[in-house]
């Protein structure tokens, strides 16, 4: 899978996840863009990016009181617990960086869909901060996800997204994924409201012998930091749309 543009976000500072980041997302040249496996110290930056991305993505889907729960600290605490806790499963959290600053993130793990086998990986979440889009972060993250899935012996990649999310669908289909006919309704609000989702998938071709992974799966993580949301991504669109997961 490949796409002409996209990738991620984080910065390892010693401030808390809710403190101001006046310097964080100024537009300008991307310095030393890269993707790596997340560390525990990345949790505040990932939490910040996720809160911004989710609020933007779900503005037309979720009630204001639900959107208000998308706080950097809550996401950061969940990611910290995941990254610093006992390893379980084969989930991996990746971060995209501009220099030392985290500007995006993605999580990949084993698919738990009943109609898939052990060879299927799932792109569970992928998000790029709005100020860092159109700089290739999303594509680098997606390449790293594919490299990670291959390294874990996976032969297929799947991703769930909102059925109405044309931007994310366009990004992923341009990268080689196609709708495979699977649909579901996911609970997205405390009152039981649902949103339709569809699944895209793609067969992962073997990497060339000289292909070097952009990120290595040497640190495991539970991919989902919060039971309230699960995104798919597109850093070329005005907003990244994420797929919420019911409580």
Protein backbone atom coordinates (compact mmCIF):
# COMPACT_ATOMS: atom_id res chain seq x y z
CA UNK A 1 0.00 0.00 0.00
CA UNK A 2 1.26 3.49 -0.80
CA UNK A 3 -0.02 7.03 -0.96
CA UNK A 4 1.49 10.30 -2.04
CA UNK A 5 1.02 12.14 1.24
CA UNK A 6 0.50 11.70 4.99
CA UNK A 7 1.81 11.07 8.65
CA UNK A 8 1.86 11.78 12.39
CA UNK A 9 2.46 13.62 15.75
CA UNK A 10 4.06 13.84 19.24
CA UNK A 11 6.54 15.69 21.46
CA UNK A 12 8.28 14.51 24.59
CA UNK A 13 8.10 17.46 26.98
CA UNK A 14 8.01 17.45 30.74
CA UNK A 15 4.76 19.41 30.97
CA UNK A 16 1.36 17.88 31.60
CA UNK A 17 -1.00 16.94 28.76
CA UNK A 18 -3.34 19.84 29.46
CA UNK A 19 -0.73 22.58 29.64
CA UNK A 20 -0.39 25.14 26.87
CA UNK A 21 1.59 24.32 23.72
CA UNK A 22 2.03 27.79 22.19
CA UNK A 23 4.96 26.57 20.12
CA UNK A 24 3.51 23.24 19.16
CA UNK A 25 1.94 23.46 15.74
CA UNK A 26 3.27 26.48 13.89
CA UNK A 27 3.20 25.99 10.17
CA UNK A 28 6.51 25.73 8.40
CA UNK A 29 8.99 23.26 6.90
CA UNK A 30 8.93 19.76 8.35
CA UNK A 31 12.21 19.08 10.17
CA UNK A 32 13.52 15.53 10.15
CA UNK A 33 10.12 13.89 9.63
CA UNK A 34 10.08 10.36 10.99
CA UNK A 35 7.97 7.56 12.45
CA UNK A 36 8.96 5.48 15.46
CA UNK A 37 7.49 3.18 18.09
CA UNK A 38 5.95 5.18 20.95
CA UNK A 39 7.47 5.42 24.41
CA UNK A 40 5.74 6.03 27.73
CA UNK A 41 6.93 9.64 27.69
CA UNK A 42 5.00 10.17 24.44
CA UNK A 43 1.62 9.73 26.16
CA UNK A 44 0.94 13.48 26.79
CA UNK A 45 1.69 14.41 23.18
CA UNK A 46 -0.39 11.55 21.76
CA UNK A 47 -3.23 12.51 24.11
CA UNK A 48 -3.12 16.10 22.90
CA UNK A 49 -3.18 15.14 19.23
CA UNK A 50 -5.92 12.59 19.76
CA UNK A 51 -8.16 15.05 21.59
CA UNK A 52 -7.84 17.65 18.82
CA UNK A 53 -8.36 15.11 16.05
CA UNK A 54 -11.33 13.39 17.70
CA UNK A 55 -13.17 16.62 18.50
CA UNK A 56 -12.77 17.67 14.88
CA UNK A 57 -13.70 14.28 13.46
CA UNK A 58 -16.80 13.64 15.53
CA UNK A 59 -18.24 17.15 15.64
CA UNK A 60 -21.05 16.17 13.28
CA UNK A 61 -21.64 12.75 14.85
CA UNK A 62 -21.53 13.16 18.63
CA UNK A 63 -23.40 15.41 21.04
CA UNK A 64 -21.48 18.37 22.54
CA UNK A 65 -21.43 16.75 25.98
CA UNK A 66 -19.72 13.68 24.52
CA UNK A 67 -17.21 15.75 22.56
CA UNK A 68 -16.38 17.56 25.80
CA UNK A 69 -15.06 14.30 27.23
CA UNK A 70 -12.31 14.18 24.59
CA UNK A 71 -9.71 15.74 26.86
CA UNK A 72 -5.93 15.43 26.36
CA UNK A 73 -5.37 14.27 29.94
CA UNK A 74 -7.86 11.40 29.70
CA UNK A 75 -6.34 10.11 26.46
CA UNK A 76 -2.80 10.62 27.78
CA UNK A 77 -3.53 8.69 30.98
CA UNK A 78 -4.98 5.80 29.01
CA UNK A 79 -2.01 5.67 26.64
CA UNK A 80 0.45 5.92 29.53
CA UNK A 81 -1.20 3.01 31.28
CA UNK A 82 -0.99 1.03 28.05
CA UNK A 83 2.60 1.88 27.22
CA UNK A 84 3.94 1.43 30.73
CA UNK A 85 1.80 -1.57 31.70
CA UNK A 86 2.34 -5.23 31.05
CA UNK A 87 2.51 -6.13 27.39
CA UNK A 88 -0.47 -7.98 26.04
CA UNK A 89 -1.27 -9.14 22.54
CA UNK A 90 0.70 -7.66 19.65
CA UNK A 91 -0.64 -4.11 19.43
CA UNK A 92 1.88 -1.40 18.54
CA UNK A 93 1.53 2.38 18.91
CA UNK A 94 3.51 4.42 16.40
CA UNK A 95 4.13 8.17 16.45
CA UNK A 96 5.00 10.53 13.60
CA UNK A 97 7.43 13.28 14.44
CA UNK A 98 8.56 16.58 12.93
CA UNK A 99 11.96 16.85 14.51
CA UNK A 100 11.35 15.89 18.15
CA UNK A 101 7.70 16.96 18.10
CA UNK A 102 5.00 14.33 17.86
CA UNK A 103 2.42 15.40 15.28
CA UNK A 104 0.53 12.17 14.63
CA UNK A 105 -0.02 8.61 15.77
CA UNK A 106 -1.29 5.25 14.61
CA UNK A 107 -2.03 1.93 16.27
CA UNK A 108 -2.01 -1.48 14.63
CA UNK A 109 -2.88 -4.84 16.15
CA UNK A 110 -4.51 -8.16 15.41
CA UNK A 111 -8.04 -7.99 14.01
CA UNK A 112 -10.68 -9.51 16.27
CA UNK A 113 -13.39 -9.64 13.62
CA UNK A 114 -15.10 -13.03 13.53
CA UNK A 115 -14.65 -13.37 9.77
CA UNK A 116 -10.88 -12.77 9.77
CA UNK A 117 -8.03 -15.11 10.64
CA UNK A 118 -4.77 -14.77 12.55
CA UNK A 119 -3.12 -13.35 9.45
CA UNK A 120 -5.20 -10.15 9.48
CA UNK A 121 -3.96 -6.96 11.14
CA UNK A 122 -6.17 -3.98 11.89
CA UNK A 123 -5.35 -0.30 11.53
CA UNK A 124 -7.10 0.69 14.74
CA UNK A 125 -6.43 4.40 14.82
CA UNK A 126 -4.48 6.93 12.77
CA UNK A 127 -4.51 10.68 13.33
CA UNK A 128 -2.49 13.74 12.34
CA UNK A 129 -2.77 17.12 14.03
CA UNK A 130 -4.57 19.62 11.72
CA UNK A 131 -1.54 21.94 11.69
CA UNK A 132 0.73 19.14 10.49
CA UNK A 133 -1.35 17.78 7.62
CA UNK A 134 -0.34 17.81 3.95
CA UNK A 135 3.26 17.19 4.94
CA UNK A 136 3.46 13.44 4.36
CA UNK A 137 2.95 12.33 7.97
CA UNK A 138 -0.15 10.26 7.27
CA UNK A 139 1.50 8.31 4.47
CA UNK A 140 4.61 7.64 6.53
CA UNK A 141 2.45 6.36 9.37
CA UNK A 142 0.53 4.12 7.00
CA UNK A 143 3.76 2.72 5.55
CA UNK A 144 5.01 2.04 9.08
CA UNK A 145 1.74 0.29 9.94
CA UNK A 146 2.18 -1.98 6.92
CA UNK A 147 5.82 -2.67 7.82
CA UNK A 148 4.80 -3.51 11.39
CA UNK A 149 1.99 -5.81 10.25
CA UNK A 150 4.34 -7.64 7.88
CA UNK A 151 6.93 -8.00 10.63
CA UNK A 152 4.27 -9.70 12.76
CA UNK A 153 3.55 -12.18 9.98
CA UNK A 154 0.28 -10.60 8.86
CA UNK A 155 -0.81 -10.94 5.23
CA UNK A 156 -3.82 -8.60 5.25
CA UNK A 157 -4.71 -5.20 6.73
CA UNK A 158 -8.22 -4.07 7.63
CA UNK A 159 -9.61 -0.74 8.86
CA UNK A 160 -13.08 0.32 10.02
CA UNK A 161 -14.30 3.85 9.29
CA UNK A 162 -17.48 5.86 9.37
CA UNK A 163 -19.61 5.08 6.31
CA UNK A 164 -19.99 8.82 5.73
CA UNK A 165 -16.26 9.55 5.94
CA UNK A 166 -15.48 10.08 2.28
CA UNK A 167 -12.16 11.83 2.95
CA UNK A 168 -10.66 8.98 4.96
CA UNK A 169 -12.06 6.44 2.55
CA UNK A 170 -10.43 8.31 -0.33
CA UNK A 171 -7.07 8.36 1.44
CA UNK A 172 -7.11 4.66 2.24
CA UNK A 173 -8.44 3.55 -1.16
CA UNK A 174 -5.74 5.62 -2.86
CA UNK A 175 -3.30 3.62 -0.72
CA UNK A 176 -4.71 0.34 -2.06
CA UNK A 177 -7.45 -0.59 0.39
CA UNK A 178 -10.94 -1.49 -0.86
CA UNK A 179 -14.36 -1.91 0.75
CA UNK A 180 -14.76 -5.63 1.45
CA UNK A 181 -18.52 -5.63 2.03
CA UNK A 182 -18.46 -5.69 5.85
CA UNK A 183 -20.68 -3.20 7.67
CA UNK A 184 -21.66 -2.63 11.29
CA UNK A 185 -23.45 -0.20 13.59
CA UNK A 186 -21.38 1.15 16.47
CA UNK A 187 -22.76 2.79 19.58
CA UNK A 188 -21.40 6.34 19.69
CA UNK A 189 -23.33 8.03 22.50
CA UNK A 190 -24.48 7.32 26.06
CA UNK A 191 -28.13 7.25 24.94
CA UNK A 192 -27.46 4.35 22.57
CA UNK A 193 -27.17 6.31 19.33
CA UNK A 194 -25.30 4.50 16.58
CA UNK A 195 -23.28 5.31 13.49
CA UNK A 196 -22.74 3.10 10.45
CA UNK A 197 -19.25 1.86 9.67
CA UNK A 198 -17.72 0.02 6.76
CA UNK A 199 -14.51 -1.97 6.53
CA UNK A 200 -11.70 -1.57 4.06
CA UNK A 201 -9.03 -4.19 3.57
CA UNK A 202 -5.98 -4.96 1.47
CA UNK A 203 -3.64 -7.90 0.93
CA UNK A 204 -0.11 -7.06 2.04
CA UNK A 205 2.43 -8.01 -0.60
CA UNK A 206 5.77 -9.30 0.61
CA UNK A 207 8.27 -6.50 1.11
CA UNK A 208 11.31 -6.42 -1.21
CA UNK A 209 14.44 -8.01 0.27
CA UNK A 210 16.10 -4.61 0.67
CA UNK A 211 13.04 -2.92 2.14
CA UNK A 212 13.77 -1.34 5.51
CA UNK A 213 10.89 -0.78 7.90
CA UNK A 214 10.29 2.79 9.05
CA UNK A 215 9.39 1.53 12.52
CA UNK A 216 10.04 -1.75 14.23
CA UNK A 217 7.53 -3.49 16.50
CA UNK A 218 9.87 -3.66 19.49
CA UNK A 219 7.41 -2.15 21.94
CA UNK A 220 3.93 -3.56 22.36
CA UNK A 221 0.86 -1.55 23.28
CA UNK A 222 -2.86 -2.05 23.54
CA UNK A 223 -3.90 -0.05 20.45
CA UNK A 224 -7.10 1.46 21.85
CA UNK A 225 -6.55 4.15 24.49
CA UNK A 226 -10.17 4.94 25.14
CA UNK A 227 -13.45 3.10 24.79
CA UNK A 228 -15.10 6.18 23.34
CA UNK A 229 -13.36 6.41 20.00
CA UNK A 230 -11.40 4.62 17.28
CA UNK A 231 -10.20 6.64 14.27
CA UNK A 232 -9.12 5.90 10.74
CA UNK A 233 -7.13 8.71 9.14
CA UNK A 234 -6.55 11.20 6.40
CA UNK A 235 -4.09 14.03 6.74
CA UNK A 236 -4.94 15.53 3.37
CA UNK A 237 -8.52 16.31 4.33
CA UNK A 238 -9.61 19.32 6.31
CA UNK A 239 -10.53 17.00 9.16
CA UNK A 240 -9.50 13.53 10.21
CA UNK A 241 -12.57 11.40 10.79
CA UNK A 242 -12.34 8.79 13.49
CA UNK A 243 -14.54 5.81 14.19
CA UNK A 244 -15.96 5.90 17.72
CA UNK A 245 -16.15 2.76 19.76
CA UNK A 246 -19.05 2.29 22.13
CA UNK A 247 -18.52 2.25 25.90
